[in-house]
Amino acid sequence: MTGNVWEWCADWYHYDSYKMISRPEGVVNPTGPDHSYDLQEPSAAKRVMIGGSFLCNDSYCSGYRVARRMKSTPDSGASHNGFRLVRDGA
């Protein structure tokens, strides 16, 4: 399903998030930072989007990967943005 649309995540975007969760024992299913911070637009709260979309092109997108991350404000929308519903199996 990667490459269909950029998928919105519940995680806030923080430019340094991977350093914030770095632990020697590793991390399983990190919850993300508790606030958003983007060096380029410090006053705009942003969420993480993952995966890439059908519009990705080598000239501006590094490809379709589940691990590919992008940031955007929650009020933005486009035909190449979407989400996936997830339910806990319990």
PDB file of N, CA and C in Angstrom:
ATOM      1  N   MET A   1       0.811  -1.197   0.000  1.00  0.00           N
ATOM      2  CA  MET A   1       0.000   0.000   0.000  1.00  0.00           C
ATOM      3  C   MET A   1       0.852   1.259   0.000  1.00  0.00           C
ATOM      4  N   THR A   2       2.143   1.084   0.131  1.00  0.00           N
ATOM      5  CA  THR A   2       3.024   2.248   0.087  1.00  0.00           C
ATOM      6  C   THR A   2       2.962   2.881  -1.294  1.00  0.00           C
ATOM      7  N   GLY A   3       2.945   4.195  -1.336  1.00  0.00           N
ATOM      8  CA  GLY A   3       2.920   4.895  -2.602  1.00  0.00           C
ATOM      9  C   GLY A   3       1.545   5.303  -3.069  1.00  0.00           C
ATOM     10  N   ASN A   4       0.518   4.920  -2.350  1.00  0.00           N
ATOM     11  CA  ASN A   4      -0.829   5.324  -2.714  1.00  0.00           C
ATOM     12  C   ASN A   4      -1.040   6.788  -2.330  1.00  0.00           C
ATOM     13  N   VAL A   5      -0.985   7.072  -1.039  1.00  0.00           N
ATOM     14  CA  VAL A   5      -1.063   8.449  -0.527  1.00  0.00           C
ATOM     15  C   VAL A   5      -0.110   8.584   0.660  1.00  0.00           C
ATOM     16  N   TRP A   6       0.308   9.807   0.938  1.00  0.00           N
ATOM     17  CA  TRP A   6       1.034  10.072   2.180  1.00  0.00           C
ATOM     18  C   TRP A   6       0.059   9.803   3.312  1.00  0.00           C
ATOM     19  N   GLU A   7       0.450   9.033   4.309  1.00  0.00           N
ATOM     20  CA  GLU A   7      -0.447   8.681   5.404  1.00  0.00           C
ATOM     21  C   GLU A   7      -0.166   9.546   6.628  1.00  0.00           C
ATOM     22  N   TRP A   8      -1.220  10.216   7.104  1.00  0.00           N
ATOM     23  CA  TRP A   8      -1.110  11.018   8.319  1.00  0.00           C
ATOM     24  C   TRP A   8      -0.850  10.110   9.506  1.00  0.00           C
ATOM     25  N   CYS A   9      -0.013  10.568  10.423  1.00  0.00           N
ATOM     26  CA  CYS A   9       0.246   9.854  11.677  1.00  0.00           C
ATOM     27  C   CYS A   9      -0.195  10.729  12.837  1.00  0.00           C
ATOM     28  N   ALA A  10      -0.417  10.130  13.976  1.00  0.00           N
ATOM     29  CA  ALA A  10      -0.788  10.884  15.175  1.00  0.00           C
ATOM     30  C   ALA A  10       0.416  11.612  15.765  1.00  0.00           C
ATOM     31  N   ASP A  11       1.626  11.220  15.386  1.00  0.00           N
ATOM     32  CA  ASP A  11       2.838  11.804  15.959  1.00  0.00           C
ATOM     33  C   ASP A  11       3.050  13.246  15.505  1.00  0.00           C
ATOM     34  N   TRP A  12       3.443  14.087  16.451  1.00  0.00           N
ATOM     35  CA  TRP A  12       3.873  15.436  16.113  1.00  0.00           C
ATOM     36  C   TRP A  12       5.223  15.357  15.434  1.00  0.00           C
ATOM     37  N   TYR A  13       5.512  16.284  14.537  1.00  0.00           N
ATOM     38  CA  TYR A  13       6.817  16.354  13.892  1.00  0.00           C
ATOM     39  C   TYR A  13       7.768  17.167  14.764  1.00  0.00           C
ATOM     40  N   HIS A  14       8.953  16.646  14.976  1.00  0.00           N
ATOM     41  CA  HIS A  14      10.027  17.379  15.652  1.00  0.00           C
ATOM     42  C   HIS A  14      11.298  17.060  14.880  1.00  0.00           C
ATOM     43  N   TYR A  15      12.035  18.092  14.488  1.00  0.00           N
ATOM     44  CA  TYR A  15      13.218  17.894  13.648  1.00  0.00           C
ATOM     45  C   TYR A  15      14.242  16.966  14.293  1.00  0.00           C
ATOM     46  N   ASP A  16      14.249  16.854  15.600  1.00  0.00           N
ATOM     47  CA  ASP A  16      15.254  16.082  16.323  1.00  0.00           C
ATOM     48  C   ASP A  16      14.650  14.859  17.016  1.00  0.00           C
ATOM     49  N   SER A  17      13.530  14.356  16.525  1.00  0.00           N
ATOM     50  CA  SER A  17      12.797  13.312  17.242  1.00  0.00           C
ATOM     51  C   SER A  17      13.591  12.023  17.420  1.00  0.00           C
ATOM     52  N   TYR A  18      14.387  11.637  16.443  1.00  0.00           N
ATOM     53  CA  TYR A  18      15.134  10.387  16.586  1.00  0.00           C
ATOM     54  C   TYR A  18      16.191  10.484  17.672  1.00  0.00           C
ATOM     55  N   LYS A  19      16.806  11.632  17.835  1.00  0.00           N
ATOM     56  CA  LYS A  19      17.772  11.807  18.920  1.00  0.00           C
ATOM     57  C   LYS A  19      17.074  11.822  20.272  1.00  0.00           C
ATOM     58  N   MET A  20      15.842  12.296  20.316  1.00  0.00           N
ATOM     59  CA  MET A  20      15.098  12.378  21.565  1.00  0.00           C
ATOM     60  C   MET A  20      14.723  10.996  22.110  1.00  0.00           C
ATOM     61  N   ILE A  21      14.596   9.994  21.236  1.00  0.00           N
ATOM     62  CA  ILE A  21      14.195   8.654  21.684  1.00  0.00           C
ATOM     63  C   ILE A  21      15.327   7.651  21.648  1.00  0.00           C
ATOM     64  N   SER A  22      16.529   8.086  21.372  1.00  0.00           N
ATOM     65  CA  SER A  22      17.662   7.175  21.263  1.00  0.00           C
ATOM     66  C   SER A  22      17.939   6.509  22.619  1.00  0.00           C
ATOM     67  N   ARG A  23      17.877   5.181  22.625  1.00  0.00           N
ATOM     68  CA  ARG A  23      18.170   4.407  23.831  1.00  0.00           C
ATOM     69  C   ARG A  23      19.018   3.201  23.437  1.00  0.00           C
ATOM     70  N   PRO A  24      19.987   2.824  24.257  1.00  0.00           N
ATOM     71  CA  PRO A  24      20.843   1.678  23.917  1.00  0.00           C
ATOM     72  C   PRO A  24      20.066   0.386  23.711  1.00  0.00           C
ATOM     73  N   GLU A  25      18.978   0.188  24.456  1.00  0.00           N
ATOM     74  CA  GLU A  25      18.205  -1.048  24.343  1.00  0.00           C
ATOM     75  C   GLU A  25      17.238  -1.038  23.166  1.00  0.00           C
ATOM     76  N   GLY A  26      17.127   0.096  22.473  1.00  0.00           N
ATOM     77  CA  GLY A  26      16.233   0.217  21.332  1.00  0.00           C
ATOM     78  C   GLY A  26      14.862   0.728  21.756  1.00  0.00           C
ATOM     79  N   VAL A  27      13.996   0.940  20.770  1.00  0.00           N
ATOM     80  CA  VAL A  27      12.661   1.479  21.016  1.00  0.00           C
ATOM     81  C   VAL A  27      11.656   0.670  20.212  1.00  0.00           C
ATOM     82  N   VAL A  28      10.572   0.274  20.845  1.00  0.00           N
ATOM     83  CA  VAL A  28       9.505  -0.443  20.164  1.00  0.00           C
ATOM     84  C   VAL A  28       8.283   0.467  20.117  1.00  0.00           C
ATOM     85  N   ASN A  29       7.788   0.727  18.930  1.00  0.00           N
ATOM     86  CA  ASN A  29       6.611   1.555  18.718  1.00  0.00           C
ATOM     87  C   ASN A  29       6.670   2.883  19.475  1.00  0.00           C
ATOM     88  N   PRO A  30       7.612   3.741  19.114  1.00  0.00           N
ATOM     89  CA  PRO A  30       7.705   5.031  19.814  1.00  0.00           C
ATOM     90  C   PRO A  30       6.444   5.864  19.605  1.00  0.00           C
ATOM     91  N   THR A  31       6.074   6.635  20.599  1.00  0.00           N
ATOM     92  CA  THR A  31       4.856   7.432  20.518  1.00  0.00           C
ATOM     93  C   THR A  31       5.090   8.804  19.904  1.00  0.00           C
ATOM     94  N   GLY A  32       6.321   9.174  19.673  1.00  0.00           N
ATOM     95  CA  GLY A  32       6.618  10.479  19.087  1.00  0.00           C
ATOM     96  C   GLY A  32       6.741  11.541  20.159  1.00  0.00           C
ATOM     97  N   PRO A  33       7.196  12.721  19.774  1.00  0.00           N
ATOM     98  CA  PRO A  33       7.376  13.804  20.742  1.00  0.00           C
ATOM     99  C   PRO A  33       6.035  14.338  21.241  1.00  0.00           C
ATOM    100  N   ASP A  34       6.064  15.043  22.368  1.00  0.00           N
ATOM    101  CA  ASP A  34       4.828  15.587  22.928  1.00  0.00           C
ATOM    102  C   ASP A  34       4.477  16.966  22.384  1.00  0.00           C
ATOM    103  N   HIS A  35       5.337  17.512  21.517  1.00  0.00           N
ATOM    104  CA  HIS A  35       5.053  18.797  20.878  1.00  0.00           C
ATOM    105  C   HIS A  35       5.753  18.843  19.514  1.00  0.00           C
ATOM    106  N   SER A  36       5.317  19.752  18.687  1.00  0.00           N
ATOM    107  CA  SER A  36       5.872  19.899  17.344  1.00  0.00           C
ATOM    108  C   SER A  36       6.923  20.999  17.321  1.00  0.00           C
ATOM    109  N   TYR A  37       7.984  20.776  16.525  1.00  0.00           N
ATOM    110  CA  TYR A  37       8.950  21.854  16.306  1.00  0.00           C
ATOM    111  C   TYR A  37       9.643  21.633  14.973  1.00  0.00           C
ATOM    112  N   ASP A  38       9.539  22.612  14.098  1.00  0.00           N
ATOM    113  CA  ASP A  38      10.181  22.585  12.791  1.00  0.00           C
ATOM    114  C   ASP A  38      11.104  23.796  12.715  1.00  0.00           C
ATOM    115  N   LEU A  39      12.375  23.562  12.480  1.00  0.00           N
ATOM    116  CA  LEU A  39      13.339  24.669  12.398  1.00  0.00           C
ATOM    117  C   LEU A  39      12.971  25.674  11.320  1.00  0.00           C
ATOM    118  N   GLN A  40      12.398  25.209  10.216  1.00  0.00           N
ATOM    119  CA  GLN A  40      12.060  26.090   9.101  1.00  0.00           C
ATOM    120  C   GLN A  40      10.820  26.940   9.381  1.00  0.00           C
ATOM    121  N   GLU A  41       9.883  26.421  10.157  1.00  0.00           N
ATOM    122  CA  GLU A  41       8.663  27.150  10.521  1.00  0.00           C
ATOM    123  C   GLU A  41       8.350  26.881  11.991  1.00  0.00           C
ATOM    124  N   PRO A  42       9.077  27.519  12.903  1.00  0.00           N
ATOM    125  CA  PRO A  42       8.916  27.206  14.326  1.00  0.00           C
ATOM    126  C   PRO A  42       7.531  27.490  14.906  1.00  0.00           C
ATOM    127  N   SER A  43       6.757  28.355  14.306  1.00  0.00           N
ATOM    128  CA  SER A  43       5.438  28.676  14.863  1.00  0.00           C
ATOM    129  C   SER A  43       4.317  27.795  14.311  1.00  0.00           C
ATOM    130  N   ALA A  44       4.616  26.934  13.346  1.00  0.00           N
ATOM    131  CA  ALA A  44       3.587  26.071  12.739  1.00  0.00           C
ATOM    132  C   ALA A  44       3.646  24.669  13.341  1.00  0.00           C
ATOM    133  N   ALA A  45       2.563  24.242  13.979  1.00  0.00           N
ATOM    134  CA  ALA A  45       2.479  22.881  14.520  1.00  0.00           C
ATOM    135  C   ALA A  45       2.314  21.903  13.355  1.00  0.00           C
ATOM    136  N   LYS A  46       3.138  20.855  13.330  1.00  0.00           N
ATOM    137  CA  LYS A  46       3.101  19.910  12.213  1.00  0.00           C
ATOM    138  C   LYS A  46       3.025  18.471  12.703  1.00  0.00           C
ATOM    139  N   ARG A  47       2.401  17.655  11.898  1.00  0.00           N
ATOM    140  CA  ARG A  47       2.320  16.215  12.163  1.00  0.00           C
ATOM    141  C   ARG A  47       3.140  15.463  11.111  1.00  0.00           C
ATOM    142  N   VAL A  48       3.427  14.224  11.426  1.00  0.00           N
ATOM    143  CA  VAL A  48       4.213  13.373  10.531  1.00  0.00           C
ATOM    144  C   VAL A  48       3.295  12.711   9.512  1.00  0.00           C
ATOM    145  N   MET A  49       3.785  12.618   8.283  1.00  0.00           N
ATOM    146  CA  MET A  49       3.135  11.861   7.220  1.00  0.00           C
ATOM    147  C   MET A  49       4.175  10.858   6.716  1.00  0.00           C
ATOM    148  N   ILE A  50       3.760   9.640   6.408  1.00  0.00           N
ATOM    149  CA  ILE A  50       4.720   8.614   6.011  1.00  0.00           C
ATOM    150  C   ILE A  50       4.345   7.961   4.684  1.00  0.00           C
ATOM    151  N   GLY A  51       5.331   7.374   4.028  1.00  0.00           N
ATOM    152  CA  GLY A  51       5.106   6.461   2.924  1.00  0.00           C
ATOM    153  C   GLY A  51       5.280   6.947   1.513  1.00  0.00           C
ATOM    154  N   GLY A  52       4.943   8.166   1.197  1.00  0.00           N
ATOM    155  CA  GLY A  52       5.001   8.629  -0.186  1.00  0.00           C
ATOM    156  C   GLY A  52       3.673   8.451  -0.891  1.00  0.00           C
ATOM    157  N   SER A  53       3.508   9.133  -2.001  1.00  0.00           N
ATOM    158  CA  SER A  53       2.238   9.060  -2.723  1.00  0.00           C
ATOM    159  C   SER A  53       2.452   8.753  -4.196  1.00  0.00           C
ATOM    160  N   PHE A  54       1.348   8.636  -4.914  1.00  0.00           N
ATOM    161  CA  PHE A  54       1.415   8.369  -6.351  1.00  0.00           C
ATOM    162  C   PHE A  54       2.040   9.530  -7.111  1.00  0.00           C
ATOM    163  N   LEU A  55       2.139  10.695  -6.487  1.00  0.00           N
ATOM    164  CA  LEU A  55       2.747  11.855  -7.138  1.00  0.00           C
ATOM    165  C   LEU A  55       4.258  11.919  -6.955  1.00  0.00           C
ATOM    166  N   CYS A  56       4.828  11.045  -6.127  1.00  0.00           N
ATOM    167  CA  CYS A  56       6.275  11.088  -5.880  1.00  0.00           C
ATOM    168  C   CYS A  56       7.048  10.909  -7.182  1.00  0.00           C
ATOM    169  N   ASN A  57       8.095  11.670  -7.282  1.00  0.00           N
ATOM    170  CA  ASN A  57       8.946  11.670  -8.463  1.00  0.00           C
ATOM    171  C   ASN A  57      10.380  11.781  -7.972  1.00  0.00           C
ATOM    172  N   ASP A  58      11.326  11.179  -8.663  1.00  0.00           N
ATOM    173  CA  ASP A  58      12.724  11.213  -8.233  1.00  0.00           C
ATOM    174  C   ASP A  58      13.262  12.626  -8.071  1.00  0.00           C
ATOM    175  N   SER A  59      12.689  13.602  -8.752  1.00  0.00           N
ATOM    176  CA  SER A  59      13.205  14.960  -8.672  1.00  0.00           C
ATOM    177  C   SER A  59      12.866  15.652  -7.348  1.00  0.00           C
ATOM    178  N   TYR A  60      11.851  15.177  -6.609  1.00  0.00           N
ATOM    179  CA  TYR A  60      11.517  15.830  -5.342  1.00  0.00           C
ATOM    180  C   TYR A  60      11.116  14.873  -4.225  1.00  0.00           C
ATOM    181  N   CYS A  61      11.109  13.606  -4.475  1.00  0.00           N
ATOM    182  CA  CYS A  61      10.723  12.632  -3.453  1.00  0.00           C
ATOM    183  C   CYS A  61      11.714  11.473  -3.512  1.00  0.00           C
ATOM    184  N   SER A  62      12.207  11.056  -2.356  1.00  0.00           N
ATOM    185  CA  SER A  62      13.246  10.028  -2.364  1.00  0.00           C
ATOM    186  C   SER A  62      12.700   8.619  -2.501  1.00  0.00           C
ATOM    187  N   GLY A  63      11.464   8.477  -2.886  1.00  0.00           N
ATOM    188  CA  GLY A  63      10.950   7.163  -3.219  1.00  0.00           C
ATOM    189  C   GLY A  63       9.874   6.656  -2.283  1.00  0.00           C
ATOM    190  N   TYR A  64       9.337   5.543  -2.663  1.00  0.00           N
ATOM    191  CA  TYR A  64       8.260   4.927  -1.896  1.00  0.00           C
ATOM    192  C   TYR A  64       8.872   3.999  -0.865  1.00  0.00           C
ATOM    193  N   ARG A  65       8.803   4.386   0.379  1.00  0.00           N
ATOM    194  CA  ARG A  65       9.294   3.563   1.477  1.00  0.00           C
ATOM    195  C   ARG A  65       8.363   3.795   2.657  1.00  0.00           C
ATOM    196  N   VAL A  66       8.076   2.754   3.377  1.00  0.00           N
ATOM    197  CA  VAL A  66       7.243   2.896   4.563  1.00  0.00           C
ATOM    198  C   VAL A  66       7.914   3.836   5.559  1.00  0.00           C
ATOM    199  N   ALA A  67       9.232   3.805   5.616  1.00  0.00           N
ATOM    200  CA  ALA A  67       9.973   4.628   6.574  1.00  0.00           C
ATOM    201  C   ALA A  67      10.143   6.077   6.130  1.00  0.00           C
ATOM    202  N   ARG A  68       9.745   6.434   4.938  1.00  0.00           N
ATOM    203  CA  ARG A  68       9.887   7.806   4.445  1.00  0.00           C
ATOM    204  C   ARG A  68       8.973   8.725   5.241  1.00  0.00           C
ATOM    205  N   ARG A  69       9.510   9.804   5.760  1.00  0.00           N
ATOM    206  CA  ARG A  69       8.739  10.742   6.577  1.00  0.00           C
ATOM    207  C   ARG A  69       8.682  12.111   5.922  1.00  0.00           C
ATOM    208  N   MET A  70       7.568  12.771   6.138  1.00  0.00           N
ATOM    209  CA  MET A  70       7.390  14.134   5.680  1.00  0.00           C
ATOM    210  C   MET A  70       6.604  14.858   6.775  1.00  0.00           C
ATOM    211  N   LYS A  71       6.545  16.155   6.724  1.00  0.00           N
ATOM    212  CA  LYS A  71       5.836  16.940   7.721  1.00  0.00           C
ATOM    213  C   LYS A  71       4.848  17.871   7.047  1.00  0.00           C
ATOM    214  N   SER A  72       3.760  18.177   7.757  1.00  0.00           N
ATOM    215  CA  SER A  72       2.799  19.138   7.238  1.00  0.00           C
ATOM    216  C   SER A  72       1.878  19.574   8.372  1.00  0.00           C
ATOM    217  N   THR A  73       1.272  20.738   8.206  1.00  0.00           N
ATOM    218  CA  THR A  73       0.317  21.201   9.203  1.00  0.00           C
ATOM    219  C   THR A  73      -0.964  20.376   9.098  1.00  0.00           C
ATOM    220  N   PRO A  74      -1.620  20.114  10.229  1.00  0.00           N
ATOM    221  CA  PRO A  74      -2.822  19.266  10.208  1.00  0.00           C
ATOM    222  C   PRO A  74      -3.974  19.796   9.359  1.00  0.00           C
ATOM    223  N   ASP A  75      -3.973  21.081   9.038  1.00  0.00           N
ATOM    224  CA  ASP A  75      -5.070  21.631   8.241  1.00  0.00           C
ATOM    225  C   ASP A  75      -4.829  21.535   6.736  1.00  0.00           C
ATOM    226  N   SER A  76      -3.716  20.943   6.330  1.00  0.00           N
ATOM    227  CA  SER A  76      -3.458  20.816   4.890  1.00  0.00           C
ATOM    228  C   SER A  76      -4.101  19.552   4.351  1.00  0.00           C
ATOM    229  N   GLY A  77      -4.534  19.604   3.131  1.00  0.00           N
ATOM    230  CA  GLY A  77      -5.159  18.451   2.501  1.00  0.00           C
ATOM    231  C   GLY A  77      -4.922  18.477   1.005  1.00  0.00           C
ATOM    232  N   ALA A  78      -4.856  17.324   0.422  1.00  0.00           N
ATOM    233  CA  ALA A  78      -4.651  17.205  -1.020  1.00  0.00           C
ATOM    234  C   ALA A  78      -5.049  15.797  -1.450  1.00  0.00           C
ATOM    235  N   SER A  79      -5.141  15.570  -2.734  1.00  0.00           N
ATOM    236  CA  SER A  79      -5.541  14.261  -3.235  1.00  0.00           C
ATOM    237  C   SER A  79      -4.499  13.188  -2.952  1.00  0.00           C
ATOM    238  N   HIS A  80      -3.300  13.586  -2.598  1.00  0.00           N
ATOM    239  CA  HIS A  80      -2.252  12.603  -2.313  1.00  0.00           C
ATOM    240  C   HIS A  80      -1.959  12.482  -0.816  1.00  0.00           C
ATOM    241  N   ASN A  81      -2.868  12.967   0.047  1.00  0.00           N
ATOM    242  CA  ASN A  81      -2.775  12.806   1.499  1.00  0.00           C
ATOM    243  C   ASN A  81      -3.954  11.968   1.964  1.00  0.00           C
ATOM    244  N   GLY A  82      -3.721  11.093   2.927  1.00  0.00           N
ATOM    245  CA  GLY A  82      -4.791  10.258   3.446  1.00  0.00           C
ATOM    246  C   GLY A  82      -4.426   9.692   4.801  1.00  0.00           C
ATOM    247  N   PHE A  83      -5.124   8.670   5.230  1.00  0.00           N
ATOM    248  CA  PHE A  83      -4.836   8.047   6.506  1.00  0.00           C
ATOM    249  C   PHE A  83      -5.289   6.597   6.443  1.00  0.00           C
ATOM    250  N   ARG A  84      -4.811   5.824   7.405  1.00  0.00           N
ATOM    251  CA  ARG A  84      -5.187   4.420   7.506  1.00  0.00           C
ATOM    252  C   ARG A  84      -5.746   4.207   8.899  1.00  0.00           C
ATOM    253  N   LEU A  85      -6.892   3.618   8.998  1.00  0.00           N
ATOM    254  CA  LEU A  85      -7.485   3.317  10.304  1.00  0.00           C
ATOM    255  C   LEU A  85      -6.823   2.082  10.879  1.00  0.00           C
ATOM    256  N   VAL A  86      -6.547   2.140  12.176  1.00  0.00           N
ATOM    257  CA  VAL A  86      -5.903   1.028  12.859  1.00  0.00           C
ATOM    258  C   VAL A  86      -6.688   0.727  14.119  1.00  0.00           C
ATOM    259  N   ARG A  87      -6.878  -0.546  14.360  1.00  0.00           N
ATOM    260  CA  ARG A  87      -7.597  -0.960  15.553  1.00  0.00           C
ATOM    261  C   ARG A  87      -6.732  -1.927  16.342  1.00  0.00           C
ATOM    262  N   ASP A  88      -6.681  -1.713  17.630  1.00  0.00           N
ATOM    263  CA  ASP A  88      -5.949  -2.618  18.512  1.00  0.00           C
ATOM    264  C   ASP A  88      -6.629  -3.985  18.469  1.00  0.00           C
ATOM    265  N   GLY A  89      -5.854  -5.035  18.378  1.00  0.00           N
ATOM    266  CA  GLY A  89      -6.399  -6.370  18.264  1.00  0.00           C
ATOM    267  C   GLY A  89      -6.979  -6.922  19.550  1.00  0.00           C
ATOM    268  N   ALA A  90      -6.881  -6.184  20.622  1.00  0.00           N
ATOM    269  CA  ALA A  90      -7.368  -6.686  21.915  1.00  0.00           C
ATOM    270  C   ALA A  90      -8.874  -6.699  22.014  1.00  0.00           C
TER     271      ALA A  90
END
